[in-house]
C-alpha atoms as a PDB file:
ATOM      1  CA  MET A   1      -6.211   6.527  16.422  1.00  0.00           C
ATOM      2  CA  SER A   2      -7.154   7.962  13.030  1.00  0.00           C
ATOM      3  CA  PHE A   3     -10.678   8.165  11.647  1.00  0.00           C
ATOM      4  CA  TYR A   4      -9.911   5.273   9.268  1.00  0.00           C
ATOM      5  CA  GLN A   5      -8.528   3.133  12.102  1.00  0.00           C
ATOM      6  CA  LYS A   6     -11.681   3.750  14.139  1.00  0.00           C
ATOM      7  CA  ILE A   7     -13.916   2.806  11.211  1.00  0.00           C
ATOM      8  CA  THR A   8     -11.805  -0.332  10.659  1.00  0.00           C
ATOM      9  CA  ALA A   9     -12.086  -1.364  14.305  1.00  0.00           C
ATOM     10  CA  ILE A  10     -15.876  -1.023  14.165  1.00  0.00           C
ATOM     11  CA  GLY A  11     -16.139  -2.673  10.740  1.00  0.00           C
ATOM     12  CA  LYS A  12     -14.148  -5.750  11.851  1.00  0.00           C
ATOM     13  CA  ARG A  13     -17.050  -6.625  14.149  1.00  0.00           C
ATOM     14  CA  PHE A  14     -19.374  -7.075  11.187  1.00  0.00           C
ATOM     15  CA  VAL A  15     -17.376  -8.142   8.106  1.00  0.00           C
ATOM     16  CA  SER A  16     -14.158  -9.995   7.297  1.00  0.00           C
ATOM     17  CA  ASN A  17     -10.838  -8.151   6.956  1.00  0.00           C
ATOM     18  CA  ASN A  18     -10.627  -8.686   3.213  1.00  0.00           C
ATOM     19  CA  VAL A  19     -14.134  -7.314   2.573  1.00  0.00           C
ATOM     20  CA  LEU A  20     -13.438  -4.373   4.871  1.00  0.00           C
ATOM     21  CA  PHE A  21     -10.110  -3.678   3.120  1.00  0.00           C
ATOM     22  CA  LYS A  22     -11.653  -3.700  -0.353  1.00  0.00           C
ATOM     23  CA  TYR A  23     -14.729  -1.603   0.367  1.00  0.00           C
ATOM     24  CA  GLY A  24     -12.980   0.604   2.901  1.00  0.00           C
ATOM     25  CA  PHE A  25     -10.470   1.671   0.270  1.00  0.00           C
ATOM     26  CA  ASN A  26     -12.973   1.909  -2.559  1.00  0.00           C
ATOM     27  CA  TRP A  27     -15.357   4.081  -0.539  1.00  0.00           C
ATOM     28  CA  SER A  28     -12.761   6.315   1.113  1.00  0.00           C
ATOM     29  CA  PRO A  29     -12.560   9.781  -0.466  1.00  0.00           C
ATOM     30  CA  MET A  30      -8.759   9.828  -0.418  1.00  0.00           C
ATOM     31  CA  TYR A  31      -8.522   6.647  -2.488  1.00  0.00           C
ATOM     32  CA  ARG A  32     -11.487   7.343  -4.778  1.00  0.00           C
ATOM     33  CA  ARG A  33      -9.727  10.496  -5.993  1.00  0.00           C
ATOM     34  CA  SER A  34      -6.844   8.352  -7.306  1.00  0.00           C
ATOM     35  CA  THR A  35      -9.341   6.771  -9.767  1.00  0.00           C
ATOM     36  CA  GLY A  36      -7.920   3.361  -8.812  1.00  0.00           C
ATOM     37  CA  ARG A  37     -10.140   0.665  -7.348  1.00  0.00           C
ATOM     38  CA  VAL A  38      -9.202  -2.286  -5.192  1.00  0.00           C
ATOM     39  CA  HIS A  39     -10.313  -5.158  -7.404  1.00  0.00           C
ATOM     40  CA  THR A  40      -9.607  -8.293  -5.330  1.00  0.00           C
ATOM     41  CA  VAL A  41      -8.350  -9.011  -1.820  1.00  0.00           C
ATOM     42  CA  SER A  42      -7.390 -12.517  -0.713  1.00  0.00           C
ATOM     43  CA  GLU A  43      -8.970 -13.783   2.481  1.00  0.00           C
ATOM     44  CA  ASP A  44      -5.651 -13.502   4.352  1.00  0.00           C
ATOM     45  CA  LEU A  45      -4.795 -10.074   2.767  1.00  0.00           C
ATOM     46  CA  SER A  46      -1.546 -11.440   1.297  1.00  0.00           C
ATOM     47  CA  ARG A  47      -2.652 -10.701  -2.289  1.00  0.00           C
ATOM     48  CA  ILE A  48      -4.405  -7.540  -3.408  1.00  0.00           C
ATOM     49  CA  THR A  49      -5.102  -6.387  -6.957  1.00  0.00           C
ATOM     50  CA  ILE A  50      -6.080  -2.950  -8.182  1.00  0.00           C
ATOM     51  CA  LYS A  51      -7.580  -1.653 -11.396  1.00  0.00           C
ATOM     52  CA  ILE A  52      -7.081   1.828 -12.867  1.00  0.00           C
ATOM     53  CA  PRO A  53      -9.449   2.510 -15.768  1.00  0.00           C
ATOM     54  CA  LEU A  54      -8.746   5.297 -18.256  1.00  0.00           C
ATOM     55  CA  THR A  55     -11.525   7.829 -17.613  1.00  0.00           C
ATOM     56  CA  TRP A  56     -12.153  11.538 -18.067  1.00  0.00           C
ATOM     57  CA  LYS A  57     -11.117  11.939 -14.401  1.00  0.00           C
ATOM     58  CA  ASN A  58      -7.543  10.741 -14.931  1.00  0.00           C
ATOM     59  CA  LYS A  59      -6.894  11.460 -18.605  1.00  0.00           C
ATOM     60  CA  ASN A  60      -4.033  13.913 -19.045  1.00  0.00           C
ATOM     61  CA  TYR A  61      -3.320  16.504 -21.746  1.00  0.00           C
ATOM     62  CA  VAL A  62      -2.213  13.861 -24.288  1.00  0.00           C
ATOM     63  CA  GLY A  63      -5.066  11.418 -23.572  1.00  0.00           C
ATOM     64  CA  THR A  64      -3.230   8.890 -21.391  1.00  0.00           C
ATOM     65  CA  ILE A  65      -3.578   8.025 -17.694  1.00  0.00           C
ATOM     66  CA  PHE A  66      -2.102  10.814 -15.595  1.00  0.00           C
ATOM     67  CA  GLY A  67       1.045   9.583 -13.803  1.00  0.00           C
ATOM     68  CA  GLY A  68      -0.186  11.047 -10.528  1.00  0.00           C
ATOM     69  CA  SER A  69      -3.261   8.816 -10.704  1.00  0.00           C
ATOM     70  CA  MET A  70      -1.060   5.763 -11.247  1.00  0.00           C
ATOM     71  CA  PHE A  71       1.081   6.642  -8.261  1.00  0.00           C
ATOM     72  CA  ALA A  72      -1.868   7.581  -6.027  1.00  0.00           C
ATOM     73  CA  ALA A  73      -3.619   4.276  -6.778  1.00  0.00           C
ATOM     74  CA  VAL A  74      -0.528   2.312  -5.690  1.00  0.00           C
ATOM     75  CA  ASP A  75       0.752   4.528  -2.872  1.00  0.00           C
ATOM     76  CA  PRO A  76      -1.279   3.512   0.215  1.00  0.00           C
ATOM     77  CA  ILE A  77      -1.711  -0.196  -0.487  1.00  0.00           C
ATOM     78  CA  PRO A  78       1.653  -1.765   0.568  1.00  0.00           C
ATOM     79  CA  MET A  79       1.831   0.077   3.909  1.00  0.00           C
ATOM     80  CA  VAL A  80      -1.771  -0.595   4.940  1.00  0.00           C
ATOM     81  CA  GLN A  81      -1.573  -4.173   3.675  1.00  0.00           C
ATOM     82  CA  LEU A  82       1.574  -4.859   5.719  1.00  0.00           C
ATOM     83  CA  MET A  83       0.101  -3.182   8.810  1.00  0.00           C
ATOM     84  CA  ASN A  84      -2.808  -5.612   8.578  1.00  0.00           C
ATOM     85  CA  LEU A  85      -0.582  -8.637   7.950  1.00  0.00           C
ATOM     86  CA  LEU A  86       1.661  -7.911  10.947  1.00  0.00           C
ATOM     87  CA  ASP A  87       0.280  -7.652  14.459  1.00  0.00           C
ATOM     88  CA  ASP A  88       0.136  -4.630  16.755  1.00  0.00           C
ATOM     89  CA  HIS A  89       3.738  -5.139  17.930  1.00  0.00           C
ATOM     90  CA  TYR A  90       5.032  -3.432  14.770  1.00  0.00           C
ATOM     91  CA  VAL A  91       5.127   0.090  13.390  1.00  0.00           C
ATOM     92  CA  VAL A  92       4.944   0.451   9.596  1.00  0.00           C
ATOM     93  CA  TRP A  93       5.530   3.698   7.717  1.00  0.00           C
ATOM     94  CA  ASP A  94       6.052   4.709   4.111  1.00  0.00           C
ATOM     95  CA  LYS A  95       9.600   6.008   3.832  1.00  0.00           C
ATOM     96  CA  SER A  96      10.034   6.857   0.151  1.00  0.00           C
ATOM     97  CA  ALA A  97       8.840   6.001  -3.329  1.00  0.00           C
ATOM     98  CA  THR A  98       9.919   6.150  -6.943  1.00  0.00           C
ATOM     99  CA  ILE A  99       7.921   5.692 -10.091  1.00  0.00           C
ATOM    100  CA  LYS A 100       9.420   4.669 -13.418  1.00  0.00           C
ATOM    101  CA  PHE A 101       7.210   5.204 -16.439  1.00  0.00           C
ATOM    102  CA  LYS A 102       7.761   2.746 -19.274  1.00  0.00           C
ATOM    103  CA  ARG A 103       5.044   3.684 -21.779  1.00  0.00           C
ATOM    104  CA  PRO A 104       1.917   5.838 -21.970  1.00  0.00           C
ATOM    105  CA  ALA A 105      -1.256   4.135 -20.711  1.00  0.00           C
ATOM    106  CA  LYS A 106      -4.241   4.348 -23.039  1.00  0.00           C
ATOM    107  CA  GLU A 107      -6.043   1.375 -21.473  1.00  0.00           C
ATOM    108  CA  THR A 108      -7.082   0.022 -18.069  1.00  0.00           C
ATOM    109  CA  LEU A 109      -4.134  -0.857 -15.844  1.00  0.00           C
ATOM    110  CA  TYR A 110      -3.834  -3.589 -13.212  1.00  0.00           C
ATOM    111  CA  GLY A 111      -1.463  -3.954 -10.283  1.00  0.00           C
ATOM    112  CA  GLU A 112      -0.793  -6.749  -7.796  1.00  0.00           C
ATOM    113  CA  PHE A 113       0.522  -6.541  -4.231  1.00  0.00           C
ATOM    114  CA  LEU A 114       1.923  -9.732  -2.715  1.00  0.00           C
ATOM    115  CA  PHE A 115       3.419 -10.645   0.654  1.00  0.00           C
ATOM    116  CA  SER A 116       4.455 -14.284   0.954  1.00  0.00           C
ATOM    117  CA  ASP A 117       4.646 -16.169   4.265  1.00  0.00           C
ATOM    118  CA  GLU A 118       8.418 -16.376   3.786  1.00  0.00           C
ATOM    119  CA  GLU A 119       8.648 -12.615   3.333  1.00  0.00           C
ATOM    120  CA  LEU A 120       6.534 -11.935   6.435  1.00  0.00           C
ATOM    121  CA  ASN A 121       8.629 -14.385   8.493  1.00  0.00           C
ATOM    122  CA  SER A 122      11.816 -12.702   7.242  1.00  0.00           C
ATOM    123  CA  ILE A 123      10.473  -9.272   8.221  1.00  0.00           C
ATOM    124  CA  LYS A 124       9.560 -10.511  11.703  1.00  0.00           C
ATOM    125  CA  SER A 125      12.920 -12.204  12.282  1.00  0.00           C
ATOM    126  CA  ARG A 126      14.892  -9.218  10.975  1.00  0.00           C
ATOM    127  CA  VAL A 127      12.941  -6.813  13.193  1.00  0.00           C
ATOM    128  CA  ALA A 128      13.493  -9.152  16.165  1.00  0.00           C
ATOM    129  CA  THR A 129      17.265  -8.880  15.683  1.00  0.00           C
ATOM    130  CA  GLU A 130      17.650  -5.380  14.192  1.00  0.00           C
ATOM    131  CA  ASN A 131      14.700  -3.542  15.883  1.00  0.00           C
ATOM    132  CA  GLU A 132      13.995  -1.550  12.703  1.00  0.00           C
ATOM    133  CA  ILE A 133      14.378  -2.317   9.006  1.00  0.00           C
ATOM    134  CA  GLU A 134      13.500  -1.015   5.571  1.00  0.00           C
ATOM    135  CA  ILE A 135      12.193  -3.076   2.682  1.00  0.00           C
ATOM    136  CA  VAL A 136      11.389  -2.176  -0.905  1.00  0.00           C
ATOM    137  CA  LYS A 137       8.165  -3.424  -2.482  1.00  0.00           C
ATOM    138  CA  SER A 138       7.707  -3.059  -6.222  1.00  0.00           C
ATOM    139  CA  THR A 139       4.380  -2.876  -8.016  1.00  0.00           C
ATOM    140  CA  ILE A 140       4.185  -3.158 -11.781  1.00  0.00           C
ATOM    141  CA  LEU A 141       1.159  -1.634 -13.489  1.00  0.00           C
ATOM    142  CA  MET A 142       0.258  -3.756 -16.526  1.00  0.00           C
ATOM    143  CA  ASN A 143      -2.512  -4.325 -19.023  1.00  0.00           C
ATOM    144  CA  LYS A 144      -5.181  -6.952 -18.357  1.00  0.00           C
ATOM    145  CA  ASP A 145      -3.400  -9.850 -20.065  1.00  0.00           C
ATOM    146  CA  ARG A 146      -0.066  -8.910 -18.442  1.00  0.00           C
ATOM    147  CA  THR A 147       1.780  -8.485 -21.747  1.00  0.00           C
ATOM    148  CA  LYS A 148       2.672  -4.782 -21.389  1.00  0.00           C
ATOM    149  CA  GLU A 149       4.292  -2.948 -18.480  1.00  0.00           C
ATOM    150  CA  PHE A 150       3.375   0.716 -18.126  1.00  0.00           C
ATOM    151  CA  CYS A 151       5.172   1.708 -14.947  1.00  0.00           C
ATOM    152  CA  VAL A 152       6.912   0.383 -11.851  1.00  0.00           C
ATOM    153  CA  VAL A 153       6.370   1.905  -8.412  1.00  0.00           C
ATOM    154  CA  ASP A 154       9.002   1.086  -5.772  1.00  0.00           C
ATOM    155  CA  LYS A 155       7.896   1.798  -2.214  1.00  0.00           C
ATOM    156  CA  THR A 156      10.388   1.793   0.665  1.00  0.00           C
ATOM    157  CA  LEU A 157       8.662   0.751   3.888  1.00  0.00           C
ATOM    158  CA  TYR A 158      10.039   1.293   7.373  1.00  0.00           C
ATOM    159  CA  ILE A 159       9.158  -1.461   9.872  1.00  0.00           C
ATOM    160  CA  ALA A 160      10.067  -1.404  13.550  1.00  0.00           C
ATOM    161  CA  ASP A 161       9.322  -3.108  16.825  1.00  0.00           C
ATOM    162  CA  LYS A 162       6.683  -0.878  18.455  1.00  0.00           C
ATOM    163  CA  ALA A 163       8.432  -0.756  21.854  1.00  0.00           C
ATOM    164  CA  PHE A 164      11.748   0.147  20.189  1.00  0.00           C
ATOM    165  CA  TYR A 165      10.056   2.800  18.058  1.00  0.00           C
ATOM    166  CA  LYS A 166       8.414   4.424  21.110  1.00  0.00           C
ATOM    167  CA  LYS A 167      11.751   4.552  22.962  1.00  0.00           C
ATOM    168  CA  LYS A 168      13.457   5.999  19.904  1.00  0.00           C
ATOM    169  CA  ARG A 169      10.794   8.717  19.556  1.00  0.00           C
ATOM    170  CA  GLN A 170      11.004   9.556  23.282  1.00  0.00           C
ATOM    171  CA  HIS A 171      14.784   9.822  23.038  1.00  0.00           C
ATOM    172  CA  LYS A 172      14.518  12.154  19.998  1.00  0.00           C
ATOM    173  CA  SER A 173      11.961  14.378  21.746  1.00  0.00           C
ATOM    174  CA  LYS A 174      14.264  14.726  24.771  1.00  0.00           C
ATOM    175  CA  LEU A 175      17.118  15.799  22.496  1.00  0.00           C
ATOM    176  CA  THR A 176      15.024  18.537  20.871  1.00  0.00           C
ATOM    177  CA  LYS A 177      13.872  20.101  24.150  1.00  0.00           C
END
């Protein structure tokens, strides 16, 4: 169990998941360095928004938001969000990511992460039949009034049945010995 998982387990005794998610991310050193901030978290964690202000900390050589800050602000959210939406019978990992820049960002950016009930049910039923799957979640970073797109981050997530994943890992470790 990681440090963050331990803190989460303790924190869940005192505050709701959505409050813990928001402040846990915003106070964690690894996320603070991205310059992004979790802005809102729905009570059920199915909708999360982030905000990336243009500051001296993330301004690049030409005065726009550094692409690495955009990516870093998006990167951990889908995986951790899905881990919290699914129960402990699943393993969730980041598998890959791409970022497509559309225009330079000289203003505050906003992103939204959504998992619908239908999507979660589809994931669960696919894992029940296939044991392991990959999905792609896209996040578009936009201006406040959602009229301009600045970049799109596509994250490929690996999701597996925990028992299947453990057997698979054991089998791989036997092959490497």
